[in-house]
Amino acid sequence: MTVERFSRLSILLVSDLDEQGVFLLRALQRTRARVEHRWPAPERIGEDCDIVLCEFMPDLSRRVAWVPGEAKAALIVLLPQSGRYDLEKLHAAVPDSVLHRPYAAHAVMTALNIGWDHFSFARRQRVRIARLDENVRALRDIERAKHLIMEERGVGEHEAFNLLRNMAMERRMTIAALAASLVDSKDNLINSI
């Protein structure tokens, strides 16, 4: 990934500005991204940014501004040079990448690239899964609506679908939206009895 790609992003650095922290801040600023620094760590991390680089802390999974698995920003965890950290707590934070102290310029860019790519891929997959779920719900509603029409009108499956399609065109709706409306109104009618 080129530096230009990062120039459209916002990065939050949650780290002490010791010698290594200053080095990291300067490396991030060279990406031309909008870089913000916060320390000490706020209660909620990552609400208004694209990438978060954050010191490892045992309660990190509680501090991130999203439910694990539904990240709103790429999370790159900064690991201590001592190598002492709780692997289970690191895993619970669901980071997209990690960066070990002492930092090196190439390692910073590698962590940024991997973290952003991993986050972007996961976000695309979540969108795709949501669309697939929506399509499955629509197909179920269409099948239920067809059966309602078949029972109501005493017609076959093919004719019921044609009726459903024609009704949707007359109302300038999608077949799925009309089917959901029919199914919901039937369910509401049954629930009110």
Protein backbone atom coordinates (compact mmCIF):
# COMPACT_ATOMS: atom_id res chain seq x y z
CA MET A 1 0.00 0.00 0.00
CA THR A 2 1.35 3.37 -0.90
CA VAL A 3 1.55 6.32 1.44
CA GLU A 4 -1.05 8.12 -0.72
CA ARG A 5 -3.67 5.54 0.23
CA PHE A 6 -3.24 6.40 3.91
CA SER A 7 -3.53 10.11 3.20
CA ARG A 8 -7.34 9.81 3.14
CA LEU A 9 -7.51 8.05 6.50
CA SER A 10 -7.53 9.14 10.11
CA ILE A 11 -5.26 7.41 12.60
CA LEU A 12 -5.55 7.46 16.38
CA LEU A 13 -2.39 6.72 18.37
CA VAL A 14 -3.02 5.73 21.97
CA SER A 15 0.48 5.52 23.40
CA ASP A 16 2.83 7.17 25.82
CA LEU A 17 5.12 9.61 23.99
CA ASP A 18 8.38 8.14 25.23
CA GLU A 19 11.24 7.79 22.73
CA GLN A 20 9.52 4.90 20.94
CA GLY A 21 6.15 6.66 21.03
CA VAL A 22 7.59 9.78 19.40
CA PHE A 23 9.25 7.62 16.73
CA LEU A 24 5.91 5.93 16.01
CA LEU A 25 4.01 9.24 15.92
CA ARG A 26 6.48 10.65 13.36
CA ALA A 27 6.29 7.49 11.25
CA LEU A 28 2.48 7.77 11.23
CA GLN A 29 2.63 11.47 10.31
CA ARG A 30 4.80 10.59 7.30
CA THR A 31 1.84 8.60 5.90
CA ARG A 32 0.04 11.96 5.43
CA ALA A 33 -2.95 10.58 7.30
CA ARG A 34 -4.72 12.75 9.83
CA VAL A 35 -3.00 11.57 13.02
CA GLU A 36 -4.34 12.21 16.50
CA HIS A 37 -2.58 11.28 19.74
CA ARG A 38 -4.28 10.54 23.08
CA TRP A 39 -2.65 9.54 26.33
CA PRO A 40 -3.61 8.39 28.87
CA ALA A 41 -5.92 5.97 27.12
CA PRO A 42 -9.53 7.15 26.98
CA GLU A 43 -12.39 4.95 28.23
CA ARG A 44 -13.69 4.52 24.65
CA ILE A 45 -11.12 3.97 21.92
CA GLY A 46 -11.66 4.26 18.18
CA GLU A 47 -15.00 6.01 17.78
CA ASP A 48 -14.03 8.54 15.09
CA CYS A 49 -11.09 7.13 13.16
CA ASP A 50 -10.12 4.59 10.53
CA ILE A 51 -7.09 3.01 12.22
CA VAL A 52 -6.28 2.73 15.93
CA LEU A 53 -2.77 1.99 17.16
CA CYS A 54 -3.09 1.31 20.88
CA GLU A 55 -0.80 0.14 23.64
CA PHE A 56 -1.75 -3.30 24.88
CA MET A 57 -3.81 -3.10 28.04
CA PRO A 58 -5.64 -5.94 29.78
CA ASP A 59 -9.06 -4.26 29.39
CA LEU A 60 -8.61 -3.28 25.72
CA SER A 61 -11.51 -5.46 24.53
CA ARG A 62 -13.81 -3.47 26.83
CA ARG A 63 -12.45 -0.10 25.74
CA VAL A 64 -12.81 -0.43 21.97
CA ALA A 65 -15.90 1.35 20.65
CA TRP A 66 -17.44 -1.72 19.02
CA VAL A 67 -18.56 -5.25 19.68
CA PRO A 68 -15.79 -7.77 18.92
CA GLY A 69 -16.24 -9.00 15.37
CA GLU A 70 -17.97 -5.79 14.28
CA ALA A 71 -15.03 -3.41 14.26
CA LYS A 72 -15.54 0.18 13.15
CA ALA A 73 -11.80 0.79 12.73
CA ALA A 74 -8.66 -1.26 12.12
CA LEU A 75 -7.04 -2.11 15.46
CA ILE A 76 -3.27 -2.45 15.69
CA VAL A 77 -2.07 -3.39 19.17
CA LEU A 78 1.31 -2.11 20.32
CA LEU A 79 3.05 -4.86 22.26
CA PRO A 80 5.64 -4.25 24.98
CA GLN A 81 9.31 -4.92 24.35
CA SER A 82 9.40 -7.23 27.37
CA GLY A 83 7.11 -9.64 25.57
CA ARG A 84 4.98 -9.93 28.70
CA TYR A 85 1.28 -9.69 27.92
CA ASP A 86 -1.75 -11.92 28.36
CA LEU A 87 -2.30 -13.66 25.03
CA GLU A 88 -5.96 -14.41 25.85
CA LYS A 89 -6.66 -10.73 26.55
CA LEU A 90 -4.87 -9.77 23.35
CA HIS A 91 -6.99 -12.31 21.45
CA ALA A 92 -10.18 -10.96 23.09
CA ALA A 93 -9.47 -7.51 21.62
CA VAL A 94 -9.53 -9.04 18.10
CA PRO A 95 -6.68 -6.94 16.65
CA ASP A 96 -6.17 -6.69 12.91
CA SER A 97 -2.40 -6.51 13.38
CA VAL A 98 0.24 -6.09 16.08
CA LEU A 99 3.41 -4.05 16.31
CA HIS A 100 6.28 -4.99 18.63
CA ARG A 101 8.64 -2.60 20.37
CA PRO A 102 11.23 -1.45 19.45
CA TYR A 103 9.57 0.01 16.37
CA ALA A 104 11.20 0.16 12.96
CA ALA A 105 9.88 2.22 10.04
CA HIS A 106 9.36 -0.82 7.80
CA ALA A 107 7.57 -2.68 10.61
CA VAL A 108 5.21 0.27 11.15
CA MET A 109 4.26 0.33 7.45
CA THR A 110 3.86 -3.46 7.43
CA ALA A 111 1.56 -3.37 10.45
CA LEU A 112 -0.47 -0.53 8.91
CA ASN A 113 -0.82 -2.38 5.61
CA ILE A 114 -1.77 -5.70 7.16
CA GLY A 115 -4.10 -4.10 9.70
CA TRP A 116 -5.93 -1.96 7.14
CA ASP A 117 -6.20 -4.81 4.62
CA HIS A 118 -7.46 -7.26 7.24
CA PHE A 119 -10.02 -4.76 8.54
CA SER A 120 -11.18 -3.83 5.02
CA PHE A 121 -11.59 -7.48 4.05
CA ALA A 122 -13.58 -8.27 7.21
CA ARG A 123 -15.80 -5.22 6.64
CA ARG A 124 -16.52 -6.32 3.04
CA GLN A 125 -17.34 -9.82 4.30
CA ARG A 126 -19.77 -8.43 6.91
CA VAL A 127 -21.54 -6.41 4.21
CA ARG A 128 -21.71 -9.46 1.96
CA ILE A 129 -23.09 -11.64 4.75
CA ALA A 130 -25.72 -9.00 5.58
CA ARG A 131 -26.81 -8.92 1.93
CA LEU A 132 -27.00 -12.71 1.79
CA ASP A 133 -29.08 -12.76 4.99
CA GLU A 134 -31.36 -10.15 3.46
CA ASN A 135 -31.75 -12.24 0.29
CA VAL A 136 -32.57 -15.37 2.29
CA ARG A 137 -35.23 -13.45 4.26
CA ALA A 138 -36.66 -12.09 1.01
CA LEU A 139 -36.84 -15.57 -0.53
CA ARG A 140 -38.60 -16.92 2.57
CA ASP A 141 -41.10 -14.06 2.50
CA ILE A 142 -41.75 -14.61 -1.20
CA GLU A 143 -42.38 -18.33 -0.61
CA ARG A 144 -44.73 -17.59 2.31
CA ALA A 145 -46.54 -14.90 0.28
CA LYS A 146 -46.96 -17.31 -2.64
CA HIS A 147 -48.49 -19.89 -0.31
CA LEU A 148 -50.84 -17.28 1.14
CA ILE A 149 -51.96 -16.33 -2.38
CA MET A 150 -52.32 -20.01 -3.35
CA GLU A 151 -54.57 -20.64 -0.33
CA GLU A 152 -56.52 -17.41 -0.76
CA ARG A 153 -57.10 -17.66 -4.51
CA GLY A 154 -56.90 -21.43 -5.04
CA VAL A 155 -54.22 -21.14 -7.73
CA GLY A 156 -50.98 -22.97 -8.46
CA GLU A 157 -47.50 -21.86 -7.47
CA HIS A 158 -46.59 -20.38 -10.87
CA GLU A 159 -49.81 -18.34 -11.05
CA ALA A 160 -49.39 -17.20 -7.44
CA PHE A 161 -45.93 -15.88 -8.26
CA ASN A 162 -47.26 -14.09 -11.36
CA LEU A 163 -50.00 -12.48 -9.24
CA LEU A 164 -47.42 -11.41 -6.67
CA ARG A 165 -45.17 -9.98 -9.39
CA ASN A 166 -48.06 -8.09 -11.03
CA MET A 167 -49.21 -6.66 -7.69
CA ALA A 168 -45.65 -5.50 -7.00
CA MET A 169 -45.41 -3.80 -10.40
CA GLU A 170 -48.78 -2.06 -9.89
CA ARG A 171 -47.65 -0.72 -6.53
CA ARG A 172 -44.15 0.10 -7.84
CA MET A 173 -42.56 -2.11 -5.18
CA THR A 174 -40.09 -4.93 -5.31
CA ILE A 175 -41.52 -8.42 -5.08
CA ALA A 176 -39.57 -8.92 -1.85
CA ALA A 177 -41.01 -5.75 -0.25
CA LEU A 178 -44.57 -6.69 -1.21
CA ALA A 179 -44.08 -10.26 -0.01
CA ALA A 180 -42.72 -9.01 3.35
CA SER A 181 -45.71 -6.68 3.66
CA LEU A 182 -48.18 -9.50 2.92
CA VAL A 183 -46.48 -11.87 5.35
CA ASP A 184 -46.31 -9.21 8.09
CA SER A 185 -49.97 -8.26 7.67
CA LYS A 186 -50.99 -11.94 7.80
CA ASP A 187 -48.85 -12.48 10.92
CA ASN A 188 -50.32 -9.35 12.54
CA LEU A 189 -53.84 -10.55 11.71
CA ILE A 190 -53.15 -13.97 13.24
CA ASN A 191 -51.51 -12.43 16.34
CA SER A 192 -54.47 -10.10 16.91
CA ILE A 193 -56.97 -13.01 17.03
